[in-house]
Amino acid sequence: MPIDDTAPETRATDPALLVLHALRCAGAAGLARLHAVTGLAEPDLESQLIDLGVEGLVTRFSADLPDWLLTEAGRAADAERIAHELDSAGARGAVTAAFDRFLVLNPELLDLCAAWQLHTVDGAVTANDHSDPAYDARVLDRFADLDRRLAPVRAELAAALPRFDRYRLRLTHALERARAGALEYVTDGTASYHTVWAELHEDLLTTLGKRR
């Protein structure tokens, strides 16, 4: 089931800033990854990347790879533009409060990822080979519970800055895929719940101008 790419957050923020900030939070990425992160169509992404490249804000990772990444000028431009977006929306207080609530949940996410990757059998901790579906189901139930408790935080963020609603779509998609049997959507790969959560964490830090 694909992510609904018609969501309003992709229309609420300047597309150039969406692309610039996606590269800031996700790192080097190609068109498919940027589409997943931003919801923008690939032709629109190509156009934005060309324009940003002309400005010296992005560059290709290498001649042999399709990935793009920020230049140092791009990182500085993103910091300036994202701070301007935050303050123009009068959203700094709301995003700060939501971030504080996110930080309360973040250690639990890390614990759940460890529980997904490691399994204690007969007192010995071993890599989870996913041969125990009952164990996996229990961990996924805990992920679902955590996601329910994150929902009000996501809602607060989306109300403050609509672009944050993209994380709701991506996290929901990852959890649905995992519960349907695509277990790589828990901690493996760029579309996994863990990866999207980490990008949200990085986005909050960057938006507020904070360091880890």
N, C-alpha and C. Protein backbone atom coordinates (compact mmCIF):
# COMPACT_ATOMS: atom_id res chain seq x y z
N MET A 1 0.85 -1.19 0.00
CA MET A 1 0.00 0.00 0.00
C MET A 1 0.88 1.24 0.00
N PRO A 2 0.86 2.05 -1.07
CA PRO A 2 1.74 3.22 -1.14
C PRO A 2 1.28 4.32 -0.21
N ILE A 3 2.22 5.18 0.12
CA ILE A 3 1.88 6.36 0.93
C ILE A 3 1.02 7.29 0.09
N ASP A 4 0.00 7.91 0.70
CA ASP A 4 -0.84 8.89 0.02
C ASP A 4 -0.03 10.16 -0.20
N ASP A 5 0.36 10.38 -1.46
CA ASP A 5 1.22 11.52 -1.77
C ASP A 5 0.45 12.79 -2.07
N THR A 6 -0.86 12.77 -1.88
CA THR A 6 -1.65 13.98 -2.11
C THR A 6 -1.85 14.76 -0.82
N ALA A 7 -1.14 14.35 0.25
CA ALA A 7 -1.32 14.99 1.55
C ALA A 7 -0.99 16.46 1.49
N PRO A 8 -1.70 17.31 2.26
CA PRO A 8 -1.57 18.75 2.13
C PRO A 8 -0.23 19.32 2.53
N GLU A 9 0.56 18.60 3.34
CA GLU A 9 1.79 19.20 3.81
C GLU A 9 2.76 19.49 2.68
N THR A 10 2.65 18.72 1.56
CA THR A 10 3.57 18.94 0.46
C THR A 10 3.23 20.23 -0.28
N ARG A 11 2.06 20.83 0.01
CA ARG A 11 1.68 22.06 -0.66
C ARG A 11 1.85 23.27 0.26
N ALA A 12 2.20 23.04 1.52
CA ALA A 12 2.21 24.12 2.49
C ALA A 12 3.58 24.76 2.66
N THR A 13 4.64 24.10 2.25
CA THR A 13 5.99 24.61 2.39
C THR A 13 6.59 24.78 1.01
N ASP A 14 7.41 25.82 0.84
CA ASP A 14 8.11 26.04 -0.42
C ASP A 14 8.80 24.76 -0.86
N PRO A 15 8.53 24.27 -2.09
CA PRO A 15 9.14 23.00 -2.53
C PRO A 15 10.66 22.99 -2.47
N ALA A 16 11.29 24.12 -2.76
CA ALA A 16 12.75 24.17 -2.69
C ALA A 16 13.22 23.91 -1.27
N LEU A 17 12.50 24.46 -0.29
CA LEU A 17 12.87 24.23 1.11
C LEU A 17 12.61 22.78 1.51
N LEU A 18 11.52 22.19 1.00
CA LEU A 18 11.26 20.79 1.29
C LEU A 18 12.42 19.91 0.83
N VAL A 19 12.92 20.17 -0.37
CA VAL A 19 14.02 19.36 -0.92
C VAL A 19 15.29 19.62 -0.13
N LEU A 20 15.59 20.87 0.09
CA LEU A 20 16.80 21.24 0.83
C LEU A 20 16.79 20.60 2.22
N HIS A 21 15.64 20.69 2.90
CA HIS A 21 15.56 20.18 4.26
C HIS A 21 15.55 18.65 4.29
N ALA A 22 14.98 18.04 3.28
CA ALA A 22 15.01 16.58 3.20
C ALA A 22 16.45 16.07 3.13
N LEU A 23 17.28 16.73 2.34
CA LEU A 23 18.69 16.34 2.26
C LEU A 23 19.41 16.62 3.56
N ARG A 24 18.99 17.63 4.27
CA ARG A 24 19.61 17.93 5.58
C ARG A 24 19.28 16.84 6.59
N CYS A 25 18.04 16.35 6.58
CA CYS A 25 17.61 15.40 7.60
C CYS A 25 17.88 13.95 7.23
N ALA A 26 17.81 13.64 5.93
CA ALA A 26 17.96 12.25 5.49
C ALA A 26 19.36 11.94 4.97
N GLY A 27 20.15 12.96 4.69
CA GLY A 27 21.47 12.73 4.11
C GLY A 27 21.38 12.57 2.61
N ALA A 28 22.44 12.08 1.99
CA ALA A 28 22.48 11.90 0.54
C ALA A 28 21.31 11.03 0.10
N ALA A 29 20.65 11.42 -0.98
CA ALA A 29 19.45 10.70 -1.41
C ALA A 29 19.22 10.91 -2.90
N GLY A 30 18.64 9.90 -3.52
CA GLY A 30 18.22 9.98 -4.91
C GLY A 30 16.77 10.39 -5.01
N LEU A 31 16.25 10.41 -6.23
CA LEU A 31 14.89 10.89 -6.44
C LEU A 31 13.85 10.05 -5.72
N ALA A 32 14.01 8.72 -5.74
CA ALA A 32 13.01 7.87 -5.10
C ALA A 32 12.94 8.14 -3.60
N ARG A 33 14.09 8.27 -2.97
CA ARG A 33 14.11 8.55 -1.53
C ARG A 33 13.54 9.93 -1.24
N LEU A 34 13.91 10.91 -2.04
CA LEU A 34 13.39 12.25 -1.83
C LEU A 34 11.89 12.32 -2.05
N HIS A 35 11.40 11.52 -2.99
CA HIS A 35 9.94 11.45 -3.19
C HIS A 35 9.27 10.91 -1.93
N ALA A 36 9.84 9.86 -1.35
CA ALA A 36 9.27 9.29 -0.13
C ALA A 36 9.29 10.28 1.03
N VAL A 37 10.37 11.04 1.12
CA VAL A 37 10.52 11.98 2.24
C VAL A 37 9.62 13.20 2.07
N THR A 38 9.53 13.74 0.86
CA THR A 38 8.83 15.01 0.64
C THR A 38 7.42 14.85 0.10
N GLY A 39 7.16 13.75 -0.64
CA GLY A 39 5.88 13.60 -1.32
C GLY A 39 5.82 14.31 -2.65
N LEU A 40 6.89 15.00 -3.04
CA LEU A 40 6.92 15.70 -4.32
C LEU A 40 7.15 14.70 -5.45
N ALA A 41 6.54 14.96 -6.60
CA ALA A 41 6.72 14.11 -7.77
C ALA A 41 8.16 14.21 -8.27
N GLU A 42 8.66 13.14 -8.86
CA GLU A 42 10.06 13.11 -9.28
C GLU A 42 10.41 14.19 -10.29
N PRO A 43 9.54 14.51 -11.29
CA PRO A 43 9.88 15.62 -12.19
C PRO A 43 10.04 16.95 -11.45
N ASP A 44 9.20 17.18 -10.44
CA ASP A 44 9.31 18.40 -9.65
C ASP A 44 10.60 18.39 -8.83
N LEU A 45 10.95 17.23 -8.31
CA LEU A 45 12.20 17.11 -7.56
C LEU A 45 13.39 17.41 -8.45
N GLU A 46 13.40 16.86 -9.65
CA GLU A 46 14.51 17.12 -10.58
C GLU A 46 14.65 18.60 -10.86
N SER A 47 13.52 19.27 -11.08
CA SER A 47 13.56 20.71 -11.35
C SER A 47 14.12 21.48 -10.16
N GLN A 48 13.67 21.13 -8.95
CA GLN A 48 14.17 21.81 -7.76
C GLN A 48 15.65 21.55 -7.55
N LEU A 49 16.09 20.32 -7.77
CA LEU A 49 17.50 19.98 -7.58
C LEU A 49 18.39 20.72 -8.57
N ILE A 50 17.93 20.86 -9.79
CA ILE A 50 18.70 21.62 -10.79
C ILE A 50 18.85 23.06 -10.34
N ASP A 51 17.74 23.66 -9.92
CA ASP A 51 17.79 25.06 -9.47
C ASP A 51 18.68 25.22 -8.24
N LEU A 52 18.54 24.29 -7.28
CA LEU A 52 19.37 24.37 -6.08
C LEU A 52 20.84 24.14 -6.42
N GLY A 53 21.10 23.28 -7.40
CA GLY A 53 22.47 23.06 -7.85
C GLY A 53 23.07 24.31 -8.46
N VAL A 54 22.29 25.02 -9.26
CA VAL A 54 22.76 26.27 -9.86
C VAL A 54 23.12 27.29 -8.77
N GLU A 55 22.35 27.26 -7.67
CA GLU A 55 22.63 28.16 -6.54
C GLU A 55 23.83 27.71 -5.72
N GLY A 56 24.35 26.51 -6.01
CA GLY A 56 25.48 25.99 -5.25
C GLY A 56 25.10 25.39 -3.92
N LEU A 57 23.81 25.03 -3.75
CA LEU A 57 23.33 24.53 -2.46
C LEU A 57 23.30 23.01 -2.39
N VAL A 58 23.24 22.34 -3.55
CA VAL A 58 23.27 20.88 -3.59
C VAL A 58 24.23 20.45 -4.69
N THR A 59 24.67 19.21 -4.58
CA THR A 59 25.55 18.65 -5.61
C THR A 59 25.32 17.15 -5.68
N ARG A 60 25.74 16.54 -6.76
CA ARG A 60 25.64 15.09 -6.85
C ARG A 60 26.72 14.46 -5.98
N PHE A 61 26.36 13.31 -5.38
CA PHE A 61 27.30 12.60 -4.51
C PHE A 61 28.55 12.21 -5.29
N SER A 62 28.37 11.70 -6.51
CA SER A 62 29.48 11.40 -7.41
C SER A 62 28.92 11.27 -8.82
N ALA A 63 29.78 11.26 -9.80
CA ALA A 63 29.34 11.16 -11.18
C ALA A 63 28.69 9.81 -11.46
N ASP A 64 29.02 8.81 -10.66
CA ASP A 64 28.52 7.46 -10.92
C ASP A 64 27.26 7.12 -10.13
N LEU A 65 26.86 7.97 -9.20
CA LEU A 65 25.71 7.69 -8.35
C LEU A 65 24.63 8.75 -8.54
N PRO A 66 23.35 8.36 -8.42
CA PRO A 66 22.27 9.34 -8.64
C PRO A 66 21.94 10.19 -7.42
N ASP A 67 22.62 9.94 -6.30
CA ASP A 67 22.27 10.65 -5.07
C ASP A 67 22.74 12.10 -5.08
N TRP A 68 21.97 12.92 -4.38
CA TRP A 68 22.30 14.33 -4.18
C TRP A 68 22.59 14.56 -2.70
N LEU A 69 23.37 15.59 -2.42
CA LEU A 69 23.63 15.96 -1.03
C LEU A 69 23.84 17.47 -0.94
N LEU A 70 23.75 17.98 0.28
CA LEU A 70 23.94 19.41 0.50
C LEU A 70 25.42 19.78 0.42
N THR A 71 25.68 20.97 -0.09
CA THR A 71 26.99 21.58 0.06
C THR A 71 27.03 22.30 1.41
N GLU A 72 28.19 22.80 1.78
CA GLU A 72 28.26 23.60 3.02
C GLU A 72 27.35 24.82 2.91
N ALA A 73 27.31 25.43 1.74
CA ALA A 73 26.40 26.56 1.54
C ALA A 73 24.95 26.12 1.68
N GLY A 74 24.66 24.90 1.23
CA GLY A 74 23.31 24.38 1.35
C GLY A 74 22.90 24.16 2.79
N ARG A 75 23.81 23.64 3.61
CA ARG A 75 23.52 23.46 5.03
C ARG A 75 23.23 24.80 5.70
N ALA A 76 24.02 25.81 5.36
CA ALA A 76 23.81 27.13 5.95
C ALA A 76 22.48 27.72 5.48
N ALA A 77 22.17 27.53 4.19
CA ALA A 77 20.92 28.06 3.65
C ALA A 77 19.72 27.37 4.29
N ASP A 78 19.83 26.06 4.47
CA ASP A 78 18.72 25.33 5.10
C ASP A 78 18.49 25.83 6.51
N ALA A 79 19.56 26.00 7.28
CA ALA A 79 19.41 26.48 8.66
C ALA A 79 18.73 27.84 8.70
N GLU A 80 19.14 28.71 7.80
CA GLU A 80 18.55 30.06 7.77
C GLU A 80 17.09 30.02 7.35
N ARG A 81 16.78 29.26 6.30
CA ARG A 81 15.42 29.23 5.77
C ARG A 81 14.46 28.51 6.70
N ILE A 82 14.93 27.45 7.34
CA ILE A 82 14.04 26.70 8.22
C ILE A 82 13.74 27.50 9.48
N ALA A 83 14.73 28.27 9.96
CA ALA A 83 14.50 29.14 11.11
C ALA A 83 13.51 30.25 10.74
N HIS A 84 13.64 30.77 9.52
CA HIS A 84 12.71 31.81 9.06
C HIS A 84 11.30 31.25 8.97
N GLU A 85 11.15 30.03 8.44
CA GLU A 85 9.83 29.40 8.35
C GLU A 85 9.22 29.25 9.75
N LEU A 86 10.02 28.79 10.70
CA LEU A 86 9.54 28.57 12.06
C LEU A 86 9.06 29.87 12.69
N ASP A 87 9.88 30.90 12.57
CA ASP A 87 9.54 32.17 13.22
C ASP A 87 8.42 32.91 12.48
N SER A 88 8.38 32.79 11.16
CA SER A 88 7.30 33.43 10.40
C SER A 88 5.95 32.83 10.75
N ALA A 89 5.95 31.52 11.06
CA ALA A 89 4.71 30.85 11.44
C ALA A 89 4.37 31.06 12.91
N GLY A 90 5.28 31.69 13.66
CA GLY A 90 5.06 31.86 15.09
C GLY A 90 4.95 30.53 15.81
N ALA A 91 5.74 29.55 15.33
CA ALA A 91 5.58 28.18 15.79
C ALA A 91 6.68 27.69 16.73
N ARG A 92 7.60 28.55 17.09
CA ARG A 92 8.74 28.08 17.88
C ARG A 92 8.29 27.48 19.21
N GLY A 93 7.38 28.12 19.92
CA GLY A 93 6.92 27.61 21.20
C GLY A 93 6.25 26.25 21.07
N ALA A 94 5.38 26.11 20.06
CA ALA A 94 4.65 24.86 19.87
C ALA A 94 5.59 23.73 19.49
N VAL A 95 6.56 24.00 18.61
CA VAL A 95 7.49 22.96 18.18
C VAL A 95 8.41 22.58 19.34
N THR A 96 8.84 23.55 20.12
CA THR A 96 9.68 23.26 21.28
C THR A 96 8.95 22.37 22.27
N ALA A 97 7.68 22.68 22.55
CA ALA A 97 6.90 21.87 23.49
C ALA A 97 6.72 20.44 22.95
N ALA A 98 6.45 20.32 21.65
CA ALA A 98 6.29 19.00 21.06
C ALA A 98 7.61 18.22 21.10
N PHE A 99 8.70 18.91 20.87
CA PHE A 99 10.01 18.27 20.92
C PHE A 99 10.30 17.72 22.32
N ASP A 100 9.96 18.47 23.33
CA ASP A 100 10.16 18.00 24.71
C ASP A 100 9.37 16.72 24.96
N ARG A 101 8.17 16.63 24.42
CA ARG A 101 7.35 15.42 24.59
C ARG A 101 7.92 14.28 23.75
N PHE A 102 8.46 14.59 22.60
CA PHE A 102 9.10 13.58 21.76
C PHE A 102 10.29 12.95 22.49
N LEU A 103 11.08 13.78 23.16
CA LEU A 103 12.26 13.28 23.85
C LEU A 103 11.92 12.29 24.96
N VAL A 104 10.74 12.42 25.55
CA VAL A 104 10.31 11.47 26.57
C VAL A 104 10.10 10.09 25.96
N LEU A 105 9.61 10.06 24.71
CA LEU A 105 9.31 8.79 24.03
C LEU A 105 10.53 8.19 23.35
N ASN A 106 11.52 9.01 23.02
CA ASN A 106 12.64 8.54 22.21
C ASN A 106 13.40 7.36 22.82
N PRO A 107 13.70 7.35 24.13
CA PRO A 107 14.41 6.19 24.70
C PRO A 107 13.62 4.90 24.54
N GLU A 108 12.31 4.98 24.59
CA GLU A 108 11.49 3.78 24.41
C GLU A 108 11.62 3.23 23.00
N LEU A 109 11.69 4.12 22.02
CA LEU A 109 11.89 3.68 20.63
C LEU A 109 13.21 2.93 20.51
N LEU A 110 14.25 3.45 21.12
CA LEU A 110 15.56 2.79 21.07
C LEU A 110 15.50 1.41 21.73
N ASP A 111 14.79 1.32 22.86
CA ASP A 111 14.65 0.03 23.54
C ASP A 111 13.89 -0.96 22.67
N LEU A 112 12.85 -0.49 21.99
CA LEU A 112 12.06 -1.38 21.14
C LEU A 112 12.87 -1.87 19.94
N CYS A 113 13.70 -1.01 19.38
CA CYS A 113 14.55 -1.43 18.28
C CYS A 113 15.52 -2.51 18.74
N ALA A 114 16.06 -2.35 19.94
CA ALA A 114 16.94 -3.37 20.49
C ALA A 114 16.19 -4.68 20.72
N ALA A 115 14.96 -4.57 21.22
CA ALA A 115 14.15 -5.77 21.45
C ALA A 115 13.82 -6.47 20.14
N TRP A 116 13.67 -5.69 19.06
CA TRP A 116 13.38 -6.28 17.76
C TRP A 116 14.60 -7.00 17.19
N GLN A 117 15.76 -6.46 17.43
CA GLN A 117 16.98 -7.01 16.84
C GLN A 117 17.61 -8.11 17.68
N LEU A 118 17.31 -8.12 18.99
CA LEU A 118 17.89 -9.11 19.90
C LEU A 118 16.77 -9.85 20.63
N HIS A 119 17.01 -11.11 20.93
CA HIS A 119 15.98 -11.95 21.57
C HIS A 119 16.67 -12.79 22.64
N THR A 120 16.11 -12.82 23.84
CA THR A 120 16.66 -13.65 24.91
C THR A 120 16.00 -15.02 24.89
N VAL A 121 16.82 -16.05 24.70
CA VAL A 121 16.34 -17.43 24.65
C VAL A 121 17.13 -18.24 25.68
N ASP A 122 16.41 -18.85 26.61
CA ASP A 122 17.05 -19.65 27.67
C ASP A 122 18.13 -18.86 28.40
N GLY A 123 17.84 -17.58 28.63
CA GLY A 123 18.76 -16.73 29.38
C GLY A 123 19.90 -16.16 28.58
N ALA A 124 20.01 -16.52 27.31
CA ALA A 124 21.09 -16.02 26.46
C ALA A 124 20.54 -15.03 25.45
N VAL A 125 21.21 -13.89 25.31
CA VAL A 125 20.81 -12.88 24.34
C VAL A 125 21.41 -13.23 22.98
N THR A 126 20.57 -13.30 21.97
CA THR A 126 21.02 -13.66 20.64
C THR A 126 20.33 -12.78 19.61
N ALA A 127 20.85 -12.77 18.40
CA ALA A 127 20.21 -12.01 17.34
C ALA A 127 18.83 -12.60 17.06
N ASN A 128 17.87 -11.72 16.87
CA ASN A 128 16.51 -12.18 16.57
C ASN A 128 16.44 -12.64 15.12
N ASP A 129 16.25 -13.94 14.92
CA ASP A 129 16.15 -14.46 13.55
C ASP A 129 14.70 -14.52 13.08
N HIS A 130 13.79 -13.98 13.87
CA HIS A 130 12.37 -13.87 13.54
C HIS A 130 11.72 -15.23 13.30
N SER A 131 12.24 -16.24 13.99
CA SER A 131 11.64 -17.57 13.90
C SER A 131 10.55 -17.77 14.96
N ASP A 132 10.36 -16.75 15.81
CA ASP A 132 9.34 -16.82 16.86
C ASP A 132 8.29 -15.74 16.57
N PRO A 133 7.26 -16.06 15.80
CA PRO A 133 6.28 -15.04 15.43
C PRO A 133 5.54 -14.45 16.61
N ALA A 134 5.37 -15.22 17.67
CA ALA A 134 4.68 -14.69 18.85
C ALA A 134 5.51 -13.58 19.49
N TYR A 135 6.81 -13.78 19.56
CA TYR A 135 7.69 -12.74 20.11
C TYR A 135 7.64 -11.50 19.23
N ASP A 136 7.77 -11.68 17.93
CA ASP A 136 7.73 -10.53 17.02
C ASP A 136 6.41 -9.78 17.15
N ALA A 137 5.32 -10.51 17.27
CA ALA A 137 4.00 -9.87 17.39
C ALA A 137 3.92 -9.03 18.65
N ARG A 138 4.50 -9.54 19.75
CA ARG A 138 4.48 -8.76 21.00
C ARG A 138 5.28 -7.46 20.84
N VAL A 139 6.44 -7.54 20.19
CA VAL A 139 7.24 -6.32 20.00
C VAL A 139 6.51 -5.35 19.08
N LEU A 140 5.88 -5.85 18.03
CA LEU A 140 5.14 -4.98 17.12
C LEU A 140 3.96 -4.32 17.83
N ASP A 141 3.33 -5.05 18.75
CA ASP A 141 2.26 -4.45 19.54
C ASP A 141 2.79 -3.27 20.36
N ARG A 142 4.00 -3.42 20.88
CA ARG A 142 4.60 -2.33 21.64
C ARG A 142 4.95 -1.15 20.74
N PHE A 143 5.39 -1.44 19.52
CA PHE A 143 5.60 -0.35 18.56
C PHE A 143 4.29 0.38 18.28
N ALA A 144 3.22 -0.38 18.09
CA ALA A 144 1.93 0.24 17.82
C ALA A 144 1.47 1.11 18.99
N ASP A 145 1.71 0.64 20.21
CA ASP A 145 1.35 1.43 21.39
C ASP A 145 2.17 2.71 21.45
N LEU A 146 3.46 2.60 21.17
CA LEU A 146 4.31 3.79 21.15
C LEU A 146 3.83 4.76 20.07
N ASP A 147 3.47 4.25 18.92
CA ASP A 147 2.99 5.10 17.83
C ASP A 147 1.71 5.84 18.24
N ARG A 148 0.83 5.16 18.96
CA ARG A 148 -0.39 5.82 19.43
C ARG A 148 -0.06 6.97 20.38
N ARG A 149 0.94 6.78 21.20
CA ARG A 149 1.33 7.84 22.15
C ARG A 149 2.10 8.96 21.47
N LEU A 150 2.72 8.65 20.33
CA LEU A 150 3.38 9.70 19.55
C LEU A 150 2.36 10.53 18.77
N ALA A 151 1.19 9.96 18.48
CA ALA A 151 0.22 10.63 17.62
C ALA A 151 -0.12 12.06 18.05
N PRO A 152 -0.36 12.33 19.35
CA PRO A 152 -0.65 13.72 19.73
C PRO A 152 0.52 14.66 19.48
N VAL A 153 1.73 14.17 19.63
CA VAL A 153 2.92 14.99 19.36
C VAL A 153 2.98 15.32 17.87
N ARG A 154 2.76 14.31 17.03
CA ARG A 154 2.75 14.55 15.59
C ARG A 154 1.67 15.55 15.21
N ALA A 155 0.51 15.44 15.84
CA ALA A 155 -0.58 16.37 15.55
C ALA A 155 -0.21 17.79 15.92
N GLU A 156 0.44 17.96 17.07
CA GLU A 156 0.88 19.29 17.48
C GLU A 156 1.87 19.87 16.47
N LEU A 157 2.80 19.04 16.02
CA LEU A 157 3.80 19.50 15.06
C LEU A 157 3.16 19.89 13.74
N ALA A 158 2.24 19.05 13.25
CA ALA A 158 1.59 19.33 11.96
C ALA A 158 0.73 20.58 12.04
N ALA A 159 0.12 20.83 13.22
CA ALA A 159 -0.68 22.04 13.38
C ALA A 159 0.21 23.27 13.36
N ALA A 160 1.43 23.13 13.88
CA ALA A 160 2.37 24.25 13.91
C ALA A 160 3.01 24.48 12.54
N LEU A 161 3.47 23.40 11.92
CA LEU A 161 4.09 23.45 10.59
C LEU A 161 3.58 22.25 9.80
N PRO A 162 2.71 22.46 8.82
CA PRO A 162 2.07 21.34 8.12
C PRO A 162 3.04 20.33 7.51
N ARG A 163 4.26 20.73 7.18
CA ARG A 163 5.19 19.78 6.58
C ARG A 163 5.50 18.60 7.50
N PHE A 164 5.32 18.77 8.80
CA PHE A 164 5.59 17.68 9.73
C PHE A 164 4.59 16.53 9.58
N ASP A 165 3.46 16.78 8.95
CA ASP A 165 2.47 15.70 8.82
C ASP A 165 2.99 14.57 7.93
N ARG A 166 4.01 14.84 7.14
CA ARG A 166 4.59 13.79 6.31
C ARG A 166 5.10 12.63 7.17
N TYR A 167 5.57 12.92 8.36
CA TYR A 167 6.07 11.86 9.24
C TYR A 167 4.94 10.94 9.69
N ARG A 168 3.76 11.49 9.91
CA ARG A 168 2.62 10.64 10.25
C ARG A 168 2.37 9.62 9.14
N LEU A 169 2.36 10.07 7.91
CA LEU A 169 2.12 9.17 6.78
C LEU A 169 3.20 8.10 6.68
N ARG A 170 4.44 8.51 6.83
CA ARG A 170 5.55 7.57 6.65
C ARG A 170 5.65 6.57 7.81
N LEU A 171 5.44 7.04 9.03
CA LEU A 171 5.49 6.13 10.18
C LEU A 171 4.32 5.14 10.14
N THR A 172 3.14 5.64 9.79
CA THR A 172 1.98 4.76 9.68
C THR A 172 2.20 3.71 8.59
N HIS A 173 2.73 4.13 7.47
CA HIS A 173 3.01 3.21 6.36
C HIS A 173 3.99 2.13 6.79
N ALA A 174 5.06 2.53 7.47
CA ALA A 174 6.07 1.55 7.90
C ALA A 174 5.48 0.55 8.87
N LEU A 175 4.68 1.01 9.82
CA LEU A 175 4.09 0.11 10.80
C LEU A 175 3.10 -0.83 10.14
N GLU A 176 2.30 -0.32 9.21
CA GLU A 176 1.34 -1.17 8.51
C GLU A 176 2.05 -2.25 7.71
N ARG A 177 3.12 -1.89 7.02
CA ARG A 177 3.86 -2.87 6.23
C ARG A 177 4.48 -3.93 7.13
N ALA A 178 5.04 -3.51 8.27
CA ALA A 178 5.66 -4.45 9.20
C ALA A 178 4.62 -5.43 9.73
N ARG A 179 3.46 -4.93 10.10
CA ARG A 179 2.42 -5.80 10.67
C ARG A 179 1.82 -6.70 9.60
N ALA A 180 2.00 -6.34 8.32
CA ALA A 180 1.53 -7.20 7.23
C ALA A 180 2.57 -8.25 6.85
N GLY A 181 3.72 -8.23 7.52
CA GLY A 181 4.72 -9.26 7.29
C GLY A 181 6.01 -8.79 6.66
N ALA A 182 6.08 -7.52 6.25
CA ALA A 182 7.33 -6.99 5.67
C ALA A 182 8.20 -6.49 6.82
N LEU A 183 8.91 -7.40 7.46
CA LEU A 183 9.59 -7.10 8.72
C LEU A 183 10.73 -6.11 8.57
N GLU A 184 11.23 -5.92 7.34
CA GLU A 184 12.30 -4.95 7.13
C GLU A 184 11.84 -3.52 7.41
N TYR A 185 10.52 -3.31 7.49
CA TYR A 185 10.00 -1.97 7.75
C TYR A 185 10.07 -1.58 9.23
N VAL A 186 10.63 -2.44 10.06
CA VAL A 186 10.78 -2.08 11.47
C VAL A 186 12.09 -1.32 11.70
N THR A 187 13.22 -1.93 11.37
CA THR A 187 14.51 -1.27 11.63
C THR A 187 15.46 -1.28 10.45
N ASP A 188 15.11 -1.93 9.36
CA ASP A 188 16.04 -2.06 8.23
C ASP A 188 15.59 -1.18 7.07
N GLY A 189 16.53 -0.49 6.46
CA GLY A 189 16.22 0.26 5.25
C GLY A 189 15.75 1.67 5.53
N THR A 190 15.73 2.46 4.46
CA THR A 190 15.42 3.89 4.59
C THR A 190 13.95 4.17 4.82
N ALA A 191 13.08 3.20 4.58
CA ALA A 191 11.64 3.40 4.80
C ALA A 191 11.17 2.80 6.11
N SER A 192 12.10 2.29 6.93
CA SER A 192 11.72 1.62 8.17
C SER A 192 11.22 2.61 9.22
N TYR A 193 10.47 2.10 10.16
CA TYR A 193 9.95 2.93 11.25
C TYR A 193 11.10 3.62 11.99
N HIS A 194 12.14 2.86 12.26
CA HIS A 194 13.28 3.42 12.99
C HIS A 194 13.94 4.56 12.21
N THR A 195 14.13 4.38 10.90
CA THR A 195 14.78 5.41 10.10
C THR A 195 13.93 6.67 10.03
N VAL A 196 12.63 6.50 9.82
CA VAL A 196 11.75 7.67 9.74
C VAL A 196 11.70 8.40 11.08
N TRP A 197 11.67 7.64 12.17
CA TRP A 197 11.70 8.25 13.51
C TRP A 197 12.99 9.06 13.68
N ALA A 198 14.12 8.48 13.26
CA ALA A 198 15.41 9.17 13.39
C ALA A 198 15.43 10.45 12.56
N GLU A 199 14.80 10.42 11.39
CA GLU A 199 14.72 11.63 10.57
C GLU A 199 13.86 12.69 11.25
N LEU A 200 12.77 12.26 11.88
CA LEU A 200 11.94 13.21 12.62
C LEU A 200 12.75 13.84 13.75
N HIS A 201 13.53 13.03 14.46
CA HIS A 201 14.37 13.55 15.53
C HIS A 201 15.35 14.59 14.98
N GLU A 202 16.00 14.26 13.87
CA GLU A 202 16.95 15.19 13.26
C GLU A 202 16.25 16.46 12.79
N ASP A 203 15.05 16.30 12.24
CA ASP A 203 14.29 17.45 11.76
C ASP A 203 13.96 18.39 12.92
N LEU A 204 13.52 17.84 14.04
CA LEU A 204 13.20 18.67 15.19
C LEU A 204 14.43 19.42 15.70
N LEU A 205 15.55 18.72 15.78
CA LEU A 205 16.79 19.38 16.22
C LEU A 205 17.16 20.51 15.27
N THR A 206 17.12 20.22 13.99
CA THR A 206 17.54 21.21 12.99
C THR A 206 16.58 22.38 12.95
N THR A 207 15.29 22.10 13.01
CA THR A 207 14.28 23.17 12.98
C THR A 207 14.46 24.13 14.14
N LEU A 208 14.80 23.59 15.31
CA LEU A 208 14.97 24.42 16.50
C LEU A 208 16.39 24.92 16.69
N GLY A 209 17.30 24.53 15.77
CA GLY A 209 18.68 24.98 15.88
C GLY A 209 19.42 24.37 17.04
N LYS A 210 19.06 23.12 17.40
CA LYS A 210 19.68 22.44 18.53
C LYS A 210 20.70 21.41 18.05
N ARG A 211 21.61 21.04 18.91
CA ARG A 211 22.55 19.96 18.65
C ARG A 211 22.15 18.74 19.47
N ARG A 212 22.58 17.56 19.01
CA ARG A 212 22.28 16.34 19.79
C ARG A 212 23.07 16.37 21.10
